[in-house]
Amino acid sequence: FENEEEVPRFLGHRVTTSFPDIEGSNPVTATGGYAEVSLDRAVVLSPPLRGDRWLNGDGCCGIIGPHRFVINPIDGRLRLSERFAIDFVRLDENGRLFTGDPSVLTNWYFYGSDIYSAAEGKVVGVLDGLPDQPPGQLPTDATIVTAGGNHVVVDIGGGKYAFYAHMIPGSITVKEGDFVKRGQHIGNLGNSGNTDAPHLHFHVMDSPAPLNSNGLPYVFDSWAYQGKVVGGSLAETNDNLMAGNPAEIDITGNGGMRKDELPFTNDIIGFE
């Protein structure tokens, strides 16, 4: 919309069904499922990582991937905790995620990257001591508690909580009750929990429980658009990278610095 005054207060769903196999039938239209449009603004955060060529491997919003697609029934309620989540991986100068044997974690050159607090707040959740998983396969014993691996949850105020997941065991530098500053080092990128390759899973939620929550929108205060991975569906581009091939990158889009925006799936990002 061009301005806020044009944004509707409510949204509804209109579903039209036709019956081509029934002679003489007419389409039937049902309208319902109304929802109020929230007036809350997305929280503005600092990047949780630094450096160039970070890839939003599974995020918002045009592609319905494993984050936005999954609704978890927990404690009698349907939870969509990861609707705005991002899986950050990093491409090397040749557009690859790793070189050599992918089962060796150190062959993923961004393994061990520093993770920074995206906002100031109080640490309200820490899990550490889970082992890194061997890349290439998901663990068979993940639970609702261990899915995020070694992780940190920070209460950033206003009923919002930041979640940083899959860190290297023993790398977490904070504990519950600590107050962290924006940009403070809190751990290192690993491959613990429900994961098949090193990455940082990041999202904002409305409770301190990483899965028993609803995901909330957020934007990063400053980042550089450096291109977009193309060449097929989300699954196809992921399979290509996981096979050790270089990404096919489109750099013809509107590059340069972005302010107070959220990168989309397959965007390549530079963080200062």
Protein backbone atom coordinates (compact mmCIF):
# COMPACT_ATOMS: atom_id res chain seq x y z
CA PHE A 1 0.00 0.00 0.00
CA GLU A 2 1.12 3.54 -0.68
CA ASN A 3 0.27 4.72 2.84
CA GLU A 4 -1.04 3.41 6.14
CA GLU A 5 -4.51 4.88 5.58
CA GLU A 6 -5.07 2.39 2.75
CA VAL A 7 -4.34 -0.66 4.91
CA PRO A 8 -7.62 -2.48 5.70
CA ARG A 9 -8.66 -3.11 9.29
CA PHE A 10 -9.83 -6.65 8.54
CA LEU A 11 -8.94 -9.41 6.09
CA GLY A 12 -11.20 -12.24 4.98
CA HIS A 13 -10.98 -15.35 2.87
CA ARG A 14 -13.12 -15.99 -0.22
CA VAL A 15 -13.18 -19.56 -1.54
CA THR A 16 -14.99 -20.45 -4.75
CA THR A 17 -15.61 -24.08 -5.64
CA SER A 18 -16.82 -25.36 -9.00
CA PHE A 19 -18.23 -28.78 -9.88
CA PRO A 20 -17.35 -29.50 -13.52
CA ASP A 21 -18.49 -33.12 -13.30
CA ILE A 22 -22.02 -32.19 -12.20
CA GLU A 23 -24.16 -31.07 -15.11
CA GLY A 24 -25.97 -27.80 -14.55
CA SER A 25 -24.13 -26.95 -11.34
CA ASN A 26 -22.99 -23.44 -10.53
CA PRO A 27 -19.90 -22.34 -8.60
CA VAL A 28 -20.36 -21.91 -4.86
CA THR A 29 -18.58 -19.09 -3.02
CA ALA A 30 -18.04 -18.93 0.73
CA THR A 31 -16.57 -15.94 2.55
CA GLY A 32 -15.28 -16.03 6.11
CA GLY A 33 -12.23 -16.48 8.28
CA TYR A 34 -12.03 -12.81 9.11
CA ALA A 35 -9.01 -11.53 11.01
CA GLU A 36 -8.17 -8.09 12.36
CA VAL A 37 -5.05 -6.48 10.92
CA SER A 38 -2.54 -5.76 13.68
CA LEU A 39 -1.36 -2.21 14.13
CA ASP A 40 1.86 -3.34 15.83
CA ARG A 41 5.06 -2.44 14.02
CA ALA A 42 7.85 -4.92 13.39
CA VAL A 43 10.65 -4.63 15.95
CA VAL A 44 13.89 -3.15 14.56
CA LEU A 45 16.97 -5.27 15.31
CA SER A 46 20.68 -5.27 14.64
CA PRO A 47 22.05 -8.16 12.56
CA PRO A 48 22.98 -11.26 14.59
CA LEU A 49 25.95 -11.93 12.27
CA ARG A 50 28.67 -9.94 10.49
CA GLY A 51 30.32 -10.18 7.10
CA ASP A 52 29.34 -10.66 3.47
CA ARG A 53 27.50 -13.36 1.51
CA TRP A 54 25.13 -14.55 4.22
CA LEU A 55 22.28 -16.46 2.60
CA ASN A 56 18.73 -16.48 3.91
CA GLY A 57 18.29 -20.19 3.33
CA ASP A 58 14.70 -20.47 4.55
CA GLY A 59 12.75 -17.36 5.49
CA CYS A 60 9.87 -15.10 4.64
CA CYS A 61 7.73 -14.52 2.63
CA GLY A 62 7.06 -15.48 -0.99
CA ILE A 63 8.06 -19.13 -0.64
CA ILE A 64 6.16 -21.39 1.74
CA GLY A 65 9.07 -23.39 3.16
CA PRO A 66 9.67 -25.56 6.23
CA HIS A 67 9.40 -22.58 8.58
CA ARG A 68 6.22 -20.89 7.39
CA PHE A 69 4.55 -24.17 6.49
CA VAL A 70 4.78 -25.90 9.89
CA ILE A 71 2.06 -25.42 12.52
CA ASN A 72 2.74 -27.20 15.81
CA PRO A 73 -0.12 -28.35 18.06
CA ILE A 74 1.22 -27.70 21.59
CA ASP A 75 -0.75 -27.69 24.85
CA GLY A 76 -4.05 -27.60 23.01
CA ARG A 77 -3.17 -24.63 20.78
CA LEU A 78 -1.87 -24.31 17.24
CA ARG A 79 1.51 -22.57 17.22
CA LEU A 80 3.31 -21.00 14.25
CA SER A 81 6.51 -20.06 16.01
CA GLU A 82 8.76 -19.97 12.94
CA ARG A 83 6.64 -17.97 10.50
CA PHE A 84 9.34 -15.24 10.24
CA ALA A 85 12.35 -17.42 11.08
CA ILE A 86 15.57 -17.34 9.05
CA ASP A 87 18.21 -20.03 8.61
CA PHE A 88 21.48 -18.20 7.93
CA VAL A 89 24.26 -19.96 6.01
CA ARG A 90 27.20 -18.33 4.27
CA LEU A 91 28.56 -18.70 0.76
CA ASP A 92 32.28 -18.61 0.10
CA GLU A 93 33.79 -16.52 -2.70
CA ASN A 94 32.93 -19.30 -5.17
CA GLY A 95 29.30 -19.52 -4.06
CA ARG A 96 29.70 -22.78 -2.13
CA LEU A 97 28.71 -23.72 1.40
CA PHE A 98 31.62 -26.11 1.90
CA THR A 99 34.65 -27.62 0.20
CA GLY A 100 35.81 -31.20 0.55
CA ASP A 101 34.02 -33.76 2.68
CA PRO A 102 30.72 -32.26 3.88
CA SER A 103 30.65 -34.56 6.92
CA VAL A 104 33.58 -32.61 8.37
CA LEU A 105 32.12 -29.57 10.12
CA THR A 106 35.22 -27.45 9.67
CA ASN A 107 34.89 -27.81 5.88
CA TRP A 108 31.91 -25.47 6.17
CA TYR A 109 33.95 -22.32 6.31
CA PHE A 110 31.36 -20.31 8.27
CA TYR A 111 31.17 -22.95 11.02
CA GLY A 112 32.12 -21.25 14.27
CA SER A 113 31.11 -17.74 13.16
CA ASP A 114 30.41 -15.30 15.98
CA ILE A 115 26.76 -14.69 16.87
CA TYR A 116 25.73 -11.32 18.31
CA SER A 117 22.71 -10.19 20.29
CA ALA A 118 20.32 -8.40 17.93
CA ALA A 119 18.88 -6.28 20.75
CA GLU A 120 19.49 -5.51 24.38
CA GLY A 121 17.55 -7.51 26.93
CA LYS A 122 17.57 -10.14 29.63
CA VAL A 123 18.64 -13.72 28.97
CA VAL A 124 15.70 -15.92 29.96
CA GLY A 125 16.69 -19.23 28.38
CA VAL A 126 19.95 -21.10 27.76
CA LEU A 127 20.58 -24.68 26.71
CA ASP A 128 24.15 -25.89 26.27
CA GLY A 129 26.04 -29.17 26.16
CA LEU A 130 24.29 -30.85 23.23
CA PRO A 131 26.71 -32.28 20.65
CA ASP A 132 27.08 -31.01 17.12
CA GLN A 133 25.34 -33.28 14.65
CA PRO A 134 27.14 -34.80 11.65
CA PRO A 135 26.09 -32.83 8.55
CA GLY A 136 23.98 -34.49 5.90
CA GLN A 137 21.20 -35.96 7.99
CA LEU A 138 18.70 -34.92 10.61
CA PRO A 139 18.89 -36.58 14.05
CA THR A 140 16.30 -39.23 14.83
CA ASP A 141 15.95 -38.37 18.52
CA ALA A 142 15.15 -34.63 18.50
CA THR A 143 12.52 -33.47 20.99
CA ILE A 144 10.63 -30.24 21.55
CA VAL A 145 13.35 -29.35 24.08
CA THR A 146 16.41 -30.26 22.00
CA ALA A 147 15.18 -29.19 18.54
CA GLY A 148 16.93 -25.82 18.79
CA GLY A 149 20.16 -27.41 19.96
CA ASN A 150 22.37 -25.21 22.10
CA HIS A 151 20.50 -21.95 22.16
CA VAL A 152 19.85 -18.60 23.81
CA VAL A 153 16.53 -16.81 24.38
CA VAL A 154 16.59 -13.08 25.17
CA ASP A 155 13.63 -11.05 26.44
CA ILE A 156 13.92 -7.90 24.30
CA GLY A 157 10.87 -6.18 25.84
CA GLY A 158 7.34 -5.49 24.72
CA GLY A 159 6.37 -9.17 24.93
CA LYS A 160 9.01 -10.09 22.34
CA TYR A 161 11.77 -12.71 22.65
CA ALA A 162 14.75 -13.32 20.35
CA PHE A 163 15.83 -16.92 19.72
CA TYR A 164 19.33 -17.97 18.56
CA ALA A 165 19.69 -21.70 17.85
CA HIS A 166 22.12 -24.52 16.90
CA MET A 167 25.26 -23.14 18.57
CA ILE A 168 28.52 -25.01 19.12
CA PRO A 169 28.54 -26.80 22.49
CA GLY A 170 30.44 -24.81 25.07
CA SER A 171 30.48 -21.63 22.98
CA ILE A 172 27.63 -19.80 24.71
CA THR A 173 29.00 -16.82 26.65
CA VAL A 174 25.88 -15.83 28.64
CA LYS A 175 23.68 -17.42 31.29
CA GLU A 176 20.09 -17.01 32.42
CA GLY A 177 19.59 -13.74 34.26
CA ASP A 178 22.34 -11.89 32.38
CA PHE A 179 21.56 -8.59 30.68
CA VAL A 180 23.03 -8.35 27.20
CA LYS A 181 23.77 -5.32 25.05
CA ARG A 182 22.96 -4.95 21.38
CA GLY A 183 25.90 -6.38 19.43
CA GLN A 184 27.27 -8.42 22.35
CA HIS A 185 28.87 -11.76 21.44
CA ILE A 186 26.67 -14.57 22.80
CA GLY A 187 27.96 -17.73 21.11
CA ASN A 188 29.18 -19.38 17.93
CA LEU A 189 27.40 -20.90 14.95
CA GLY A 190 27.27 -24.68 15.08
CA ASN A 191 25.19 -27.70 14.15
CA SER A 192 23.51 -28.90 17.35
CA GLY A 193 19.88 -29.95 17.61
CA ASN A 194 17.44 -30.70 14.79
CA THR A 195 19.70 -29.71 11.90
CA ASP A 196 21.48 -31.32 8.96
CA ALA A 197 24.02 -28.56 8.26
CA PRO A 198 25.67 -25.71 10.18
CA HIS A 199 23.54 -22.60 10.36
CA LEU A 200 22.08 -19.98 12.66
CA HIS A 201 18.36 -20.27 13.13
CA PHE A 202 16.95 -16.92 14.26
CA HIS A 203 13.44 -15.74 14.99
CA VAL A 204 11.39 -13.48 17.27
CA MET A 205 8.43 -14.86 19.22
CA ASP A 206 5.75 -13.89 21.73
CA SER A 207 6.88 -16.19 24.56
CA PRO A 208 10.21 -17.54 25.86
CA ALA A 209 9.36 -21.04 24.59
CA PRO A 210 10.95 -21.46 21.13
CA LEU A 211 8.19 -23.72 19.76
CA ASN A 212 5.29 -23.01 22.14
CA SER A 213 4.94 -19.49 20.77
CA ASN A 214 3.85 -17.50 17.75
CA GLY A 215 6.43 -15.91 15.49
CA LEU A 216 6.53 -12.11 15.30
CA PRO A 217 7.75 -9.89 12.45
CA TYR A 218 11.03 -8.03 12.67
CA VAL A 219 13.40 -6.05 10.45
CA PHE A 220 17.15 -5.40 10.50
CA ASP A 221 18.26 -1.80 10.83
CA SER A 222 20.93 -2.01 8.12
CA TRP A 223 22.10 -4.59 5.60
CA ALA A 224 23.35 -4.81 2.04
CA TYR A 225 21.52 -6.68 -0.70
CA GLN A 226 24.19 -8.65 -2.59
CA GLY A 227 22.10 -10.80 -4.91
CA LYS A 228 19.70 -13.72 -4.89
CA VAL A 229 20.15 -17.47 -5.31
CA VAL A 230 18.09 -18.66 -8.29
CA GLY A 231 17.79 -21.79 -10.37
CA GLY A 232 14.65 -23.54 -9.19
CA SER A 233 12.43 -24.09 -6.19
CA LEU A 234 13.64 -23.73 -2.61
CA ALA A 235 14.17 -27.49 -2.43
CA GLU A 236 16.10 -27.51 -5.72
CA THR A 237 18.42 -24.66 -4.77
CA ASN A 238 19.03 -26.24 -1.35
CA ASP A 239 19.79 -29.62 -2.90
CA ASN A 240 22.25 -27.99 -5.28
CA LEU A 241 24.14 -26.30 -2.44
CA MET A 242 24.07 -29.41 -0.24
CA ALA A 243 25.66 -31.33 -3.12
CA GLY A 244 28.65 -29.01 -2.93
CA ASN A 245 27.84 -27.10 -6.08
CA PRO A 246 28.18 -23.31 -6.40
CA ALA A 247 24.99 -21.31 -6.16
CA GLU A 248 23.48 -19.73 -9.24
CA ILE A 249 23.32 -16.08 -8.24
CA ASP A 250 21.32 -13.26 -9.82
CA ILE A 251 22.96 -9.89 -9.09
CA THR A 252 20.73 -7.81 -11.38
CA GLY A 253 18.25 -6.82 -8.67
CA ASN A 254 18.09 -3.62 -6.70
CA GLY A 255 21.35 -3.86 -4.79
CA GLY A 256 22.81 -1.61 -2.15
CA MET A 257 21.97 -0.83 1.43
CA ARG A 258 18.59 -1.58 2.95
CA LYS A 259 17.23 0.12 6.05
CA ASP A 260 14.64 -1.36 8.41
CA GLU A 261 13.75 -4.22 6.08
CA LEU A 262 13.52 -8.00 6.30
CA PRO A 263 15.54 -10.06 3.78
CA PHE A 264 13.55 -12.68 1.91
CA THR A 265 14.27 -16.33 1.19
CA ASN A 266 17.39 -16.85 -1.01
CA ASP A 267 18.53 -13.23 -0.58
CA ILE A 268 22.31 -12.85 -0.17
CA ILE A 269 23.09 -10.36 2.54
CA GLY A 270 26.00 -8.32 3.80
CA PHE A 271 26.10 -7.33 7.48
CA GLU A 272 28.48 -4.69 8.84
